[in-house]
Amino acid sequence: MSKSSDSPIQTDRKQRIRRAVQAASFGALYRVGGPIYDRFTRLLFGEAWNRWRMTALHFVEDGPVLDLGCGTGVLLSALVERGFEGVGVDREPSMLHRASKRTELSGRLLRADVSILPIKTGSIGTCVSTFPARFILRPETLDEVARVLRPSGRFVVVMGGETEERIWWREPIRLLLRVFYGARSTTATPDKSVLAHPDLSGEWRWVEKFPDRTLIWAAQRSVGETASVS
């Protein structure tokens, strides 16, 4: 007899356990992993991680730019080097301490919760976030994004990526990542409701540049009256 597949209850339990493990792992990494974060992601994903992250640059047209969950400041640094006025927000001192080592980011880093941004209403031209934790899905986060963006301002999120790049010694790592993240479709696009907000009209886009495919949420602030502070 062939082995029976998991019941819906078993599948749901496995998914909940996997999400809990992911949340605990990411939480620990963000809290204390600033000094090793860039090297760690390079070990896990090779150079693809940075290529996916830098895809956001193609969607940034206007500043000032706000980097939500800026981490170690790699993308913010690239934005500043391209002449954009930018500021990065993160709540983890470990990440901000590492980002502060970049001299070009002096005075551009804020420790804050993304649901209560210390940013003036309607003052941001583009808001970006790369590989964000689940904070990006919270209504209060999207409310704040809509509040700080000026009319027609852009909201760009790099949610993830895939690569056809294969390096033999990295195959065991790739298999471990499949266990950690679970089986995922290489073609499925999330529903628009995932990041839906009445003042932010957006769509999912797959950006393809061999050997990578990067999933981007690209939205724009409505041109009506700027959202008021809650």
N, C-alpha and C. Protein backbone atom coordinates (compact mmCIF):
# COMPACT_ATOMS: atom_id res chain seq x y z
N MET A 1 0.84 -1.20 0.00
CA MET A 1 0.00 0.00 0.00
C MET A 1 0.87 1.25 0.00
N SER A 2 0.43 2.25 -0.73
CA SER A 2 1.18 3.50 -0.76
C SER A 2 0.87 4.30 0.51
N LYS A 3 1.82 5.08 0.88
CA LYS A 3 1.65 5.88 2.08
C LYS A 3 0.59 6.95 1.84
N SER A 4 -0.34 7.09 2.76
CA SER A 4 -1.42 8.06 2.60
C SER A 4 -0.88 9.47 2.84
N SER A 5 -1.48 10.43 2.18
CA SER A 5 -1.07 11.82 2.35
C SER A 5 -1.60 12.35 3.67
N ASP A 6 -1.02 13.46 4.12
CA ASP A 6 -1.45 14.06 5.38
C ASP A 6 -2.88 14.56 5.27
N SER A 7 -3.61 14.48 6.38
CA SER A 7 -4.95 15.06 6.44
C SER A 7 -4.83 16.58 6.49
N PRO A 8 -5.92 17.30 6.19
CA PRO A 8 -5.87 18.77 6.30
C PRO A 8 -5.44 19.25 7.67
N ILE A 9 -5.86 18.56 8.73
CA ILE A 9 -5.49 18.95 10.08
C ILE A 9 -3.99 18.79 10.29
N GLN A 10 -3.43 17.65 9.80
CA GLN A 10 -1.99 17.43 9.94
C GLN A 10 -1.21 18.45 9.14
N THR A 11 -1.70 18.75 7.94
CA THR A 11 -1.02 19.74 7.10
C THR A 11 -1.02 21.11 7.76
N ASP A 12 -2.16 21.49 8.33
CA ASP A 12 -2.27 22.78 9.01
C ASP A 12 -1.34 22.83 10.22
N ARG A 13 -1.25 21.72 10.96
CA ARG A 13 -0.38 21.68 12.12
C ARG A 13 1.08 21.84 11.70
N LYS A 14 1.47 21.17 10.63
CA LYS A 14 2.85 21.29 10.14
C LYS A 14 3.15 22.72 9.70
N GLN A 15 2.19 23.35 9.04
CA GLN A 15 2.40 24.72 8.59
C GLN A 15 2.55 25.67 9.77
N ARG A 16 1.73 25.45 10.81
CA ARG A 16 1.81 26.31 11.98
C ARG A 16 3.14 26.13 12.70
N ILE A 17 3.61 24.88 12.79
CA ILE A 17 4.91 24.61 13.41
C ILE A 17 6.02 25.26 12.60
N ARG A 18 5.95 25.12 11.26
CA ARG A 18 6.98 25.72 10.41
C ARG A 18 7.00 27.24 10.55
N ARG A 19 5.81 27.86 10.59
CA ARG A 19 5.76 29.32 10.75
C ARG A 19 6.33 29.74 12.10
N ALA A 20 6.06 28.95 13.14
CA ALA A 20 6.58 29.29 14.47
C ALA A 20 8.11 29.19 14.50
N VAL A 21 8.64 28.15 13.87
CA VAL A 21 10.10 27.99 13.79
C VAL A 21 10.72 29.12 13.00
N GLN A 22 10.08 29.49 11.90
CA GLN A 22 10.59 30.60 11.09
C GLN A 22 10.59 31.89 11.88
N ALA A 23 9.49 32.18 12.57
CA ALA A 23 9.39 33.42 13.34
C ALA A 23 10.46 33.48 14.43
N ALA A 24 10.67 32.35 15.13
CA ALA A 24 11.67 32.32 16.19
C ALA A 24 13.08 32.48 15.61
N SER A 25 13.33 31.86 14.47
CA SER A 25 14.66 31.93 13.85
C SER A 25 14.96 33.34 13.36
N PHE A 26 13.99 33.92 12.64
CA PHE A 26 14.20 35.28 12.14
C PHE A 26 14.32 36.27 13.30
N GLY A 27 13.49 36.09 14.33
CA GLY A 27 13.54 37.00 15.47
C GLY A 27 14.91 37.00 16.14
N ALA A 28 15.47 35.81 16.32
CA ALA A 28 16.79 35.71 16.93
C ALA A 28 17.87 36.33 16.04
N LEU A 29 17.75 36.09 14.74
CA LEU A 29 18.74 36.64 13.82
C LEU A 29 18.70 38.16 13.81
N TYR A 30 17.50 38.73 13.79
CA TYR A 30 17.37 40.19 13.77
C TYR A 30 17.85 40.81 15.09
N ARG A 31 17.59 40.14 16.20
CA ARG A 31 17.94 40.71 17.50
C ARG A 31 19.44 40.76 17.74
N VAL A 32 20.15 39.70 17.36
CA VAL A 32 21.58 39.62 17.71
C VAL A 32 22.49 39.40 16.51
N GLY A 33 21.91 39.25 15.33
CA GLY A 33 22.72 38.83 14.18
C GLY A 33 23.28 39.92 13.30
N GLY A 34 23.19 41.18 13.73
CA GLY A 34 23.69 42.27 12.89
C GLY A 34 25.10 42.06 12.38
N PRO A 35 26.06 41.67 13.24
CA PRO A 35 27.45 41.53 12.80
C PRO A 35 27.66 40.45 11.73
N ILE A 36 26.78 39.45 11.69
CA ILE A 36 26.98 38.34 10.75
C ILE A 36 25.91 38.27 9.66
N TYR A 37 24.92 39.16 9.72
CA TYR A 37 23.74 39.04 8.86
C TYR A 37 24.11 38.96 7.38
N ASP A 38 24.92 39.87 6.90
CA ASP A 38 25.25 39.89 5.47
C ASP A 38 26.01 38.64 5.04
N ARG A 39 26.96 38.22 5.87
CA ARG A 39 27.71 37.00 5.53
C ARG A 39 26.81 35.77 5.60
N PHE A 40 25.89 35.77 6.55
CA PHE A 40 25.00 34.62 6.71
C PHE A 40 24.07 34.46 5.51
N THR A 41 23.48 35.57 5.06
CA THR A 41 22.58 35.50 3.91
C THR A 41 23.35 35.12 2.64
N ARG A 42 24.61 35.57 2.55
CA ARG A 42 25.42 35.19 1.40
C ARG A 42 25.72 33.69 1.43
N LEU A 43 25.93 33.15 2.62
CA LEU A 43 26.16 31.71 2.74
C LEU A 43 24.93 30.93 2.30
N LEU A 44 23.74 31.39 2.71
CA LEU A 44 22.51 30.67 2.41
C LEU A 44 22.08 30.81 0.95
N PHE A 45 22.21 32.02 0.40
CA PHE A 45 21.65 32.30 -0.92
C PHE A 45 22.68 32.73 -1.96
N GLY A 46 23.94 32.76 -1.58
CA GLY A 46 24.96 33.21 -2.52
C GLY A 46 24.76 34.69 -2.86
N GLU A 47 25.18 35.09 -4.04
CA GLU A 47 25.03 36.48 -4.46
C GLU A 47 23.60 36.80 -4.90
N ALA A 48 22.75 35.76 -5.03
CA ALA A 48 21.38 35.99 -5.49
C ALA A 48 20.61 36.89 -4.53
N TRP A 49 20.86 36.74 -3.23
CA TRP A 49 20.13 37.54 -2.23
C TRP A 49 20.30 39.03 -2.51
N ASN A 50 21.54 39.45 -2.75
CA ASN A 50 21.77 40.87 -3.00
C ASN A 50 21.21 41.30 -4.35
N ARG A 51 21.28 40.44 -5.35
CA ARG A 51 20.70 40.79 -6.65
C ARG A 51 19.20 40.98 -6.53
N TRP A 52 18.51 40.11 -5.77
CA TRP A 52 17.07 40.27 -5.57
C TRP A 52 16.79 41.60 -4.86
N ARG A 53 17.56 41.88 -3.82
CA ARG A 53 17.36 43.11 -3.05
C ARG A 53 17.52 44.35 -3.94
N MET A 54 18.54 44.36 -4.77
CA MET A 54 18.83 45.53 -5.59
C MET A 54 17.81 45.74 -6.71
N THR A 55 16.94 44.77 -6.94
CA THR A 55 15.87 44.94 -7.93
C THR A 55 14.98 46.12 -7.55
N ALA A 56 14.88 46.41 -6.26
CA ALA A 56 14.05 47.52 -5.79
C ALA A 56 14.50 48.85 -6.38
N LEU A 57 15.78 48.98 -6.71
CA LEU A 57 16.31 50.24 -7.22
C LEU A 57 15.62 50.66 -8.52
N HIS A 58 15.18 49.67 -9.31
CA HIS A 58 14.55 49.98 -10.59
C HIS A 58 13.17 50.61 -10.42
N PHE A 59 12.60 50.53 -9.22
CA PHE A 59 11.25 51.04 -8.99
C PHE A 59 11.25 52.36 -8.21
N VAL A 60 12.43 52.81 -7.82
CA VAL A 60 12.53 54.06 -7.07
C VAL A 60 12.75 55.21 -8.04
N GLU A 61 11.80 56.14 -8.06
CA GLU A 61 11.91 57.27 -8.97
C GLU A 61 12.08 58.59 -8.24
N ASP A 62 11.44 58.71 -7.09
CA ASP A 62 11.47 59.98 -6.36
C ASP A 62 11.89 59.78 -4.91
N GLY A 63 12.54 60.80 -4.37
CA GLY A 63 12.88 60.82 -2.97
C GLY A 63 12.06 61.89 -2.26
N PRO A 64 12.23 62.00 -0.98
CA PRO A 64 13.05 61.16 -0.11
C PRO A 64 12.55 59.71 -0.09
N VAL A 65 13.50 58.81 0.20
CA VAL A 65 13.20 57.38 0.23
C VAL A 65 13.24 56.89 1.67
N LEU A 66 12.23 56.15 2.07
CA LEU A 66 12.17 55.53 3.39
C LEU A 66 12.35 54.04 3.23
N ASP A 67 13.38 53.48 3.90
CA ASP A 67 13.66 52.05 3.88
C ASP A 67 13.11 51.44 5.17
N LEU A 68 11.99 50.71 5.05
CA LEU A 68 11.35 50.08 6.21
C LEU A 68 12.05 48.77 6.55
N GLY A 69 12.46 48.61 7.80
CA GLY A 69 13.20 47.42 8.17
C GLY A 69 14.52 47.39 7.42
N CYS A 70 15.29 48.46 7.56
CA CYS A 70 16.48 48.66 6.73
C CYS A 70 17.61 47.69 7.02
N GLY A 71 17.54 46.97 8.16
CA GLY A 71 18.55 45.98 8.46
C GLY A 71 19.94 46.57 8.55
N THR A 72 20.90 45.98 7.86
CA THR A 72 22.30 46.43 7.92
C THR A 72 22.59 47.57 6.95
N GLY A 73 21.56 48.07 6.27
CA GLY A 73 21.72 49.28 5.48
C GLY A 73 22.26 49.12 4.08
N VAL A 74 22.29 47.91 3.55
CA VAL A 74 22.87 47.69 2.22
C VAL A 74 22.10 48.44 1.14
N LEU A 75 20.78 48.28 1.11
CA LEU A 75 19.98 48.95 0.08
C LEU A 75 20.00 50.47 0.29
N LEU A 76 19.86 50.91 1.53
CA LEU A 76 19.87 52.34 1.81
C LEU A 76 21.19 52.97 1.35
N SER A 77 22.28 52.28 1.58
CA SER A 77 23.58 52.76 1.14
C SER A 77 23.62 52.92 -0.38
N ALA A 78 23.07 51.93 -1.09
CA ALA A 78 23.04 52.00 -2.55
C ALA A 78 22.19 53.17 -3.03
N LEU A 79 21.10 53.44 -2.33
CA LEU A 79 20.24 54.56 -2.70
C LEU A 79 20.95 55.90 -2.50
N VAL A 80 21.64 56.03 -1.37
CA VAL A 80 22.37 57.27 -1.09
C VAL A 80 23.47 57.48 -2.12
N GLU A 81 24.16 56.40 -2.48
CA GLU A 81 25.22 56.50 -3.47
C GLU A 81 24.69 56.94 -4.83
N ARG A 82 23.41 56.67 -5.09
CA ARG A 82 22.79 57.09 -6.35
C ARG A 82 22.18 58.49 -6.27
N GLY A 83 22.40 59.15 -5.17
CA GLY A 83 21.98 60.54 -5.04
C GLY A 83 20.64 60.76 -4.39
N PHE A 84 19.99 59.71 -3.88
CA PHE A 84 18.70 59.87 -3.22
C PHE A 84 18.88 60.31 -1.77
N GLU A 85 18.00 61.18 -1.33
CA GLU A 85 17.90 61.47 0.10
C GLU A 85 17.15 60.31 0.72
N GLY A 86 17.71 59.71 1.75
CA GLY A 86 17.05 58.53 2.31
C GLY A 86 17.20 58.42 3.80
N VAL A 87 16.29 57.66 4.40
CA VAL A 87 16.35 57.38 5.82
C VAL A 87 15.92 55.93 6.03
N GLY A 88 16.58 55.25 6.97
CA GLY A 88 16.25 53.86 7.25
C GLY A 88 15.67 53.72 8.64
N VAL A 89 14.66 52.87 8.77
CA VAL A 89 14.01 52.61 10.05
C VAL A 89 14.09 51.13 10.36
N ASP A 90 14.49 50.80 11.58
CA ASP A 90 14.50 49.42 12.05
C ASP A 90 14.33 49.48 13.56
N ARG A 91 13.78 48.41 14.13
CA ARG A 91 13.58 48.42 15.58
C ARG A 91 14.66 47.65 16.33
N GLU A 92 15.55 46.96 15.58
CA GLU A 92 16.56 46.13 16.23
C GLU A 92 17.91 46.84 16.32
N PRO A 93 18.39 47.11 17.54
CA PRO A 93 19.67 47.78 17.71
C PRO A 93 20.83 47.05 17.04
N SER A 94 20.78 45.72 17.02
CA SER A 94 21.85 44.95 16.40
C SER A 94 22.01 45.30 14.92
N MET A 95 20.88 45.42 14.23
CA MET A 95 20.92 45.76 12.81
C MET A 95 21.36 47.20 12.60
N LEU A 96 20.80 48.11 13.39
CA LEU A 96 21.15 49.52 13.23
C LEU A 96 22.61 49.78 13.57
N HIS A 97 23.15 49.05 14.55
CA HIS A 97 24.56 49.22 14.90
C HIS A 97 25.44 48.84 13.72
N ARG A 98 25.08 47.75 13.05
CA ARG A 98 25.87 47.34 11.87
C ARG A 98 25.71 48.36 10.75
N ALA A 99 24.49 48.84 10.54
CA ALA A 99 24.25 49.83 9.48
C ALA A 99 25.02 51.12 9.76
N SER A 100 25.15 51.48 11.04
CA SER A 100 25.83 52.73 11.40
C SER A 100 27.32 52.71 11.07
N LYS A 101 27.86 51.52 10.79
CA LYS A 101 29.26 51.42 10.40
C LYS A 101 29.50 51.99 9.00
N ARG A 102 28.42 52.14 8.25
CA ARG A 102 28.53 52.71 6.91
C ARG A 102 28.51 54.24 7.04
N THR A 103 29.63 54.86 6.74
CA THR A 103 29.77 56.29 6.98
C THR A 103 28.75 57.12 6.20
N GLU A 104 28.33 56.64 5.02
CA GLU A 104 27.38 57.40 4.22
C GLU A 104 25.99 57.42 4.83
N LEU A 105 25.75 56.57 5.86
CA LEU A 105 24.43 56.51 6.49
C LEU A 105 24.38 57.30 7.79
N SER A 106 25.41 58.05 8.10
CA SER A 106 25.42 58.85 9.32
C SER A 106 24.24 59.83 9.33
N GLY A 107 23.47 59.77 10.41
CA GLY A 107 22.32 60.65 10.55
C GLY A 107 21.10 60.22 9.76
N ARG A 108 21.15 59.04 9.14
CA ARG A 108 20.05 58.58 8.30
C ARG A 108 19.32 57.38 8.88
N LEU A 109 19.61 57.01 10.11
CA LEU A 109 19.05 55.80 10.71
C LEU A 109 18.20 56.14 11.92
N LEU A 110 17.03 55.51 12.00
CA LEU A 110 16.11 55.73 13.11
C LEU A 110 15.70 54.39 13.71
N ARG A 111 15.69 54.32 15.03
CA ARG A 111 15.13 53.15 15.68
C ARG A 111 13.67 53.43 15.98
N ALA A 112 12.79 52.63 15.40
CA ALA A 112 11.36 52.86 15.59
C ALA A 112 10.58 51.63 15.15
N ASP A 113 9.36 51.54 15.65
CA ASP A 113 8.42 50.52 15.20
C ASP A 113 7.74 51.04 13.94
N VAL A 114 7.63 50.19 12.92
CA VAL A 114 7.07 50.65 11.65
C VAL A 114 5.60 51.01 11.75
N SER A 115 4.94 50.60 12.83
CA SER A 115 3.53 50.95 12.99
C SER A 115 3.35 52.34 13.62
N ILE A 116 4.47 52.95 14.06
CA ILE A 116 4.43 54.31 14.61
C ILE A 116 5.67 55.04 14.08
N LEU A 117 5.64 55.42 12.84
CA LEU A 117 6.82 56.00 12.21
C LEU A 117 7.03 57.45 12.62
N PRO A 118 8.25 57.80 13.00
CA PRO A 118 8.56 59.19 13.36
C PRO A 118 8.87 60.01 12.10
N ILE A 119 7.96 59.95 11.15
CA ILE A 119 8.15 60.59 9.84
C ILE A 119 6.96 61.52 9.58
N LYS A 120 7.25 62.69 9.05
CA LYS A 120 6.21 63.67 8.77
C LYS A 120 5.24 63.16 7.72
N THR A 121 3.97 63.42 7.92
CA THR A 121 2.91 63.03 6.99
C THR A 121 3.15 63.64 5.60
N GLY A 122 3.04 62.79 4.58
CA GLY A 122 3.15 63.24 3.20
C GLY A 122 4.53 63.72 2.80
N SER A 123 5.59 63.24 3.47
CA SER A 123 6.94 63.74 3.21
C SER A 123 7.82 62.80 2.40
N ILE A 124 7.34 61.60 2.11
CA ILE A 124 8.17 60.57 1.47
C ILE A 124 7.75 60.35 0.02
N GLY A 125 8.74 60.27 -0.87
CA GLY A 125 8.45 60.01 -2.27
C GLY A 125 8.34 58.53 -2.59
N THR A 126 9.20 57.72 -1.96
CA THR A 126 9.18 56.27 -2.18
C THR A 126 9.47 55.55 -0.87
N CYS A 127 8.68 54.55 -0.57
CA CYS A 127 8.90 53.70 0.59
C CYS A 127 9.26 52.30 0.08
N VAL A 128 10.39 51.77 0.54
CA VAL A 128 10.83 50.46 0.10
C VAL A 128 11.00 49.53 1.30
N SER A 129 10.86 48.24 1.05
CA SER A 129 11.11 47.23 2.06
C SER A 129 11.54 45.96 1.37
N THR A 130 12.65 45.37 1.82
CA THR A 130 13.15 44.17 1.17
C THR A 130 13.16 42.99 2.14
N PHE A 131 12.60 41.87 1.70
CA PHE A 131 12.50 40.65 2.50
C PHE A 131 11.96 40.95 3.89
N PRO A 132 10.84 41.67 3.98
CA PRO A 132 10.35 42.09 5.30
C PRO A 132 9.79 40.92 6.09
N ALA A 133 9.85 41.05 7.41
CA ALA A 133 9.17 40.11 8.30
C ALA A 133 7.67 40.36 8.19
N ARG A 134 6.90 39.67 9.01
CA ARG A 134 5.44 39.73 8.89
C ARG A 134 4.86 41.09 9.25
N PHE A 135 5.69 42.00 9.74
CA PHE A 135 5.18 43.34 10.04
C PHE A 135 4.59 44.02 8.82
N ILE A 136 5.07 43.63 7.64
CA ILE A 136 4.62 44.30 6.42
C ILE A 136 3.16 43.96 6.10
N LEU A 137 2.63 42.90 6.70
CA LEU A 137 1.26 42.48 6.43
C LEU A 137 0.25 43.13 7.37
N ARG A 138 0.72 43.82 8.39
CA ARG A 138 -0.19 44.39 9.38
C ARG A 138 -0.87 45.64 8.85
N PRO A 139 -2.17 45.77 9.08
CA PRO A 139 -2.89 46.98 8.62
C PRO A 139 -2.28 48.27 9.13
N GLU A 140 -1.79 48.26 10.38
CA GLU A 140 -1.23 49.49 10.94
C GLU A 140 0.06 49.90 10.22
N THR A 141 0.81 48.92 9.72
CA THR A 141 2.01 49.24 8.94
C THR A 141 1.63 49.90 7.63
N LEU A 142 0.64 49.32 6.94
CA LEU A 142 0.20 49.89 5.66
C LEU A 142 -0.44 51.26 5.86
N ASP A 143 -1.13 51.45 6.99
CA ASP A 143 -1.68 52.77 7.31
C ASP A 143 -0.57 53.81 7.40
N GLU A 144 0.52 53.43 8.06
CA GLU A 144 1.65 54.35 8.21
C GLU A 144 2.35 54.63 6.88
N VAL A 145 2.48 53.60 6.06
CA VAL A 145 3.07 53.81 4.74
C VAL A 145 2.24 54.81 3.94
N ALA A 146 0.92 54.61 3.95
CA ALA A 146 0.02 55.53 3.24
C ALA A 146 0.10 56.94 3.81
N ARG A 147 0.27 57.04 5.12
CA ARG A 147 0.33 58.36 5.76
C ARG A 147 1.57 59.15 5.36
N VAL A 148 2.74 58.47 5.38
CA VAL A 148 3.99 59.21 5.15
C VAL A 148 4.25 59.47 3.66
N LEU A 149 3.62 58.67 2.77
CA LEU A 149 3.82 58.89 1.34
C LEU A 149 3.05 60.12 0.88
N ARG A 150 3.64 60.87 -0.01
CA ARG A 150 2.92 61.97 -0.62
C ARG A 150 2.06 61.41 -1.75
N PRO A 151 1.08 62.14 -2.23
CA PRO A 151 0.25 61.65 -3.34
C PRO A 151 1.11 61.22 -4.53
N SER A 152 0.77 60.06 -5.08
CA SER A 152 1.50 59.42 -6.18
C SER A 152 2.83 58.82 -5.74
N GLY A 153 3.13 58.88 -4.43
CA GLY A 153 4.36 58.25 -3.94
C GLY A 153 4.32 56.74 -4.12
N ARG A 154 5.48 56.13 -4.22
CA ARG A 154 5.57 54.70 -4.50
C ARG A 154 5.86 53.88 -3.25
N PHE A 155 5.31 52.67 -3.25
CA PHE A 155 5.54 51.70 -2.19
C PHE A 155 6.04 50.42 -2.86
N VAL A 156 7.28 50.04 -2.58
CA VAL A 156 7.94 48.93 -3.27
C VAL A 156 8.40 47.91 -2.25
N VAL A 157 7.97 46.66 -2.43
CA VAL A 157 8.35 45.59 -1.51
C VAL A 157 8.97 44.44 -2.30
N VAL A 158 10.19 44.07 -1.95
CA VAL A 158 10.81 42.86 -2.51
C VAL A 158 10.45 41.71 -1.57
N MET A 159 9.55 40.83 -2.04
CA MET A 159 9.07 39.76 -1.17
C MET A 159 9.94 38.51 -1.21
N GLY A 160 10.63 38.29 -2.30
CA GLY A 160 11.45 37.10 -2.40
C GLY A 160 11.99 36.92 -3.80
N GLY A 161 12.71 35.84 -4.00
CA GLY A 161 13.28 35.60 -5.32
C GLY A 161 13.62 34.15 -5.54
N GLU A 162 13.93 33.84 -6.77
CA GLU A 162 14.35 32.50 -7.17
C GLU A 162 15.53 32.66 -8.11
N THR A 163 16.36 31.65 -8.16
CA THR A 163 17.50 31.70 -9.07
C THR A 163 17.75 30.35 -9.69
N GLU A 164 18.20 30.38 -10.92
CA GLU A 164 18.60 29.15 -11.61
C GLU A 164 20.09 28.90 -11.44
N GLU A 165 20.75 29.78 -10.74
CA GLU A 165 22.17 29.63 -10.49
C GLU A 165 22.39 28.41 -9.60
N ARG A 166 23.22 27.50 -10.03
CA ARG A 166 23.50 26.29 -9.27
C ARG A 166 24.99 26.12 -9.07
N ILE A 167 25.38 26.01 -7.81
CA ILE A 167 26.77 25.76 -7.44
C ILE A 167 26.78 24.48 -6.63
N TRP A 168 27.54 23.50 -7.07
CA TRP A 168 27.42 22.15 -6.53
C TRP A 168 27.56 22.10 -5.02
N TRP A 169 28.51 22.88 -4.45
CA TRP A 169 28.74 22.77 -3.01
C TRP A 169 27.62 23.39 -2.19
N ARG A 170 26.74 24.16 -2.85
CA ARG A 170 25.64 24.80 -2.14
C ARG A 170 24.36 23.95 -2.16
N GLU A 171 24.37 22.82 -2.85
CA GLU A 171 23.17 21.99 -2.95
C GLU A 171 22.64 21.53 -1.59
N PRO A 172 23.49 21.09 -0.64
CA PRO A 172 22.95 20.72 0.69
C PRO A 172 22.25 21.90 1.38
N ILE A 173 22.77 23.11 1.21
CA ILE A 173 22.14 24.30 1.79
C ILE A 173 20.78 24.54 1.14
N ARG A 174 20.73 24.38 -0.17
CA ARG A 174 19.46 24.58 -0.89
C ARG A 174 18.40 23.61 -0.40
N LEU A 175 18.78 22.36 -0.15
CA LEU A 175 17.83 21.36 0.35
C LEU A 175 17.36 21.71 1.76
N LEU A 176 18.27 22.20 2.59
CA LEU A 176 17.88 22.62 3.94
C LEU A 176 16.90 23.79 3.89
N LEU A 177 17.10 24.70 2.95
CA LEU A 177 16.19 25.83 2.82
C LEU A 177 14.80 25.37 2.38
N ARG A 178 14.74 24.35 1.56
CA ARG A 178 13.45 23.81 1.14
C ARG A 178 12.70 23.22 2.33
N VAL A 179 13.43 22.60 3.25
CA VAL A 179 12.80 22.06 4.45
C VAL A 179 12.32 23.21 5.34
N PHE A 180 13.15 24.23 5.48
CA PHE A 180 12.82 25.36 6.35
C PHE A 180 11.62 26.15 5.83
N TYR A 181 11.61 26.44 4.53
CA TYR A 181 10.55 27.26 3.96
C TYR A 181 9.35 26.43 3.51
N GLY A 182 9.54 25.12 3.29
CA GLY A 182 8.47 24.29 2.78
C GLY A 182 8.40 24.36 1.28
N ALA A 183 7.61 23.47 0.69
CA ALA A 183 7.45 23.44 -0.76
C ALA A 183 6.70 24.68 -1.21
N ARG A 184 7.27 25.37 -2.20
CA ARG A 184 6.63 26.58 -2.71
C ARG A 184 6.59 26.52 -4.22
N SER A 185 5.49 27.00 -4.78
CA SER A 185 5.36 27.04 -6.22
C SER A 185 6.32 28.06 -6.80
N THR A 186 6.95 27.75 -7.90
CA THR A 186 7.88 28.67 -8.54
C THR A 186 7.17 29.63 -9.47
N THR A 187 5.86 29.46 -9.64
CA THR A 187 5.13 30.34 -10.56
C THR A 187 3.97 31.08 -9.90
N ALA A 188 3.54 30.62 -8.73
CA ALA A 188 2.37 31.22 -8.10
C ALA A 188 2.65 32.65 -7.65
N THR A 189 1.68 33.51 -7.85
CA THR A 189 1.75 34.89 -7.42
C THR A 189 0.74 35.11 -6.31
N PRO A 190 1.12 35.75 -5.21
CA PRO A 190 0.18 35.97 -4.11
C PRO A 190 -1.03 36.78 -4.57
N ASP A 191 -2.11 36.65 -3.83
CA ASP A 191 -3.29 37.45 -4.11
C ASP A 191 -3.02 38.91 -3.75
N LYS A 192 -3.67 39.82 -4.45
CA LYS A 192 -3.47 41.24 -4.17
C LYS A 192 -3.92 41.63 -2.77
N SER A 193 -4.81 40.83 -2.20
CA SER A 193 -5.32 41.16 -0.87
C SER A 193 -4.25 41.09 0.21
N VAL A 194 -3.12 40.42 -0.09
CA VAL A 194 -2.06 40.26 0.91
C VAL A 194 -1.55 41.62 1.38
N LEU A 195 -1.40 42.57 0.46
CA LEU A 195 -0.91 43.90 0.81
C LEU A 195 -1.91 44.99 0.41
N ALA A 196 -3.16 44.64 0.40
CA ALA A 196 -4.19 45.59 -0.03
C ALA A 196 -4.37 46.70 1.00
N HIS A 197 -4.58 47.91 0.48
CA HIS A 197 -4.89 49.06 1.32
C HIS A 197 -5.68 50.05 0.47
N PRO A 198 -6.72 50.66 1.02
CA PRO A 198 -7.57 51.54 0.21
C PRO A 198 -6.85 52.72 -0.42
N ASP A 199 -5.72 53.15 0.17
CA ASP A 199 -4.99 54.30 -0.36
C ASP A 199 -3.74 53.91 -1.14
N LEU A 200 -3.52 52.60 -1.32
CA LEU A 200 -2.32 52.12 -2.00
C LEU A 200 -2.72 51.13 -3.09
N SER A 201 -2.75 51.59 -4.30
CA SER A 201 -3.12 50.74 -5.43
C SER A 201 -1.87 50.05 -5.97
N GLY A 202 -1.86 48.70 -5.94
CA GLY A 202 -0.65 48.00 -6.34
C GLY A 202 -0.88 46.71 -7.08
N GLU A 203 0.21 46.10 -7.51
CA GLU A 203 0.16 44.83 -8.21
C GLU A 203 1.47 44.08 -7.98
N TRP A 204 1.39 42.75 -8.12
CA TRP A 204 2.57 41.91 -8.04
C TRP A 204 3.25 41.85 -9.39
N ARG A 205 4.57 41.86 -9.37
CA ARG A 205 5.34 41.74 -10.61
C ARG A 205 6.50 40.78 -10.40
N TRP A 206 6.68 39.91 -11.39
CA TRP A 206 7.87 39.08 -11.41
C TRP A 206 8.89 39.77 -12.31
N VAL A 207 10.02 40.15 -11.76
CA VAL A 207 11.09 40.77 -12.53
C VAL A 207 12.08 39.68 -12.90
N GLU A 208 12.25 39.45 -14.18
CA GLU A 208 13.11 38.37 -14.64
C GLU A 208 14.37 38.92 -15.30
N LYS A 209 15.49 38.53 -14.74
CA LYS A 209 16.79 38.85 -15.31
C LYS A 209 17.70 37.67 -15.00
N PHE A 210 17.99 36.90 -16.02
CA PHE A 210 18.72 35.64 -15.82
C PHE A 210 19.98 35.87 -14.97
N PRO A 211 20.18 35.00 -13.98
CA PRO A 211 19.47 33.74 -13.69
C PRO A 211 18.35 33.88 -12.65
N ASP A 212 17.85 35.11 -12.42
CA ASP A 212 16.94 35.33 -11.30
C ASP A 212 15.53 35.70 -11.72
N ARG A 213 14.59 35.43 -10.80
CA ARG A 213 13.23 35.93 -10.86
C ARG A 213 12.94 36.52 -9.48
N THR A 214 12.52 37.79 -9.45
CA THR A 214 12.30 38.47 -8.19
C THR A 214 10.85 38.92 -8.10
N LEU A 215 10.22 38.63 -6.97
CA LEU A 215 8.82 38.99 -6.76
C LEU A 215 8.72 40.35 -6.07
N ILE A 216 8.06 41.29 -6.74
CA ILE A 216 7.96 42.67 -6.27
C ILE A 216 6.50 43.06 -6.12
N TRP A 217 6.19 43.75 -5.03
CA TRP A 217 4.91 44.43 -4.89
C TRP A 217 5.15 45.90 -5.20
N ALA A 218 4.52 46.41 -6.24
CA ALA A 218 4.69 47.80 -6.64
C ALA A 218 3.35 48.51 -6.52
N ALA A 219 3.29 49.50 -5.62
CA ALA A 219 2.05 50.22 -5.37
C ALA A 219 2.29 51.73 -5.44
N GLN A 220 1.18 52.45 -5.53
CA GLN A 220 1.26 53.90 -5.61
C GLN A 220 0.20 54.52 -4.71
N ARG A 221 0.60 55.57 -4.02
CA ARG A 221 -0.33 56.31 -3.16
C ARG A 221 -1.36 57.02 -4.00
N SER A 222 -2.63 56.96 -3.59
CA SER A 222 -3.69 57.63 -4.33
C SER A 222 -3.42 59.14 -4.35
N VAL A 223 -3.95 59.78 -5.36
CA VAL A 223 -3.67 61.21 -5.55
C VAL A 223 -4.58 62.10 -4.71
N GLY A 224 -5.52 61.50 -4.00
CA GLY A 224 -6.44 62.28 -3.18
C GLY A 224 -5.75 62.89 -1.98
N GLU A 225 -6.55 63.28 -1.02
CA GLU A 225 -6.04 63.94 0.18
C GLU A 225 -5.10 63.01 0.95
N THR A 226 -3.97 63.54 1.39
CA THR A 226 -2.99 62.75 2.14
C THR A 226 -3.61 62.21 3.42
N ALA A 227 -3.30 60.94 3.71
CA ALA A 227 -3.87 60.32 4.91
C ALA A 227 -3.48 61.09 6.15
N SER A 228 -4.40 61.21 7.05
CA SER A 228 -4.12 61.91 8.31
C SER A 228 -3.58 60.96 9.34
N VAL A 229 -2.96 61.49 10.37
CA VAL A 229 -2.44 60.67 11.43
C VAL A 229 -3.58 60.07 12.22
N SER A 230 -3.50 58.76 12.48
CA SER A 230 -4.56 58.10 13.24
C SER A 230 -4.60 58.60 14.67
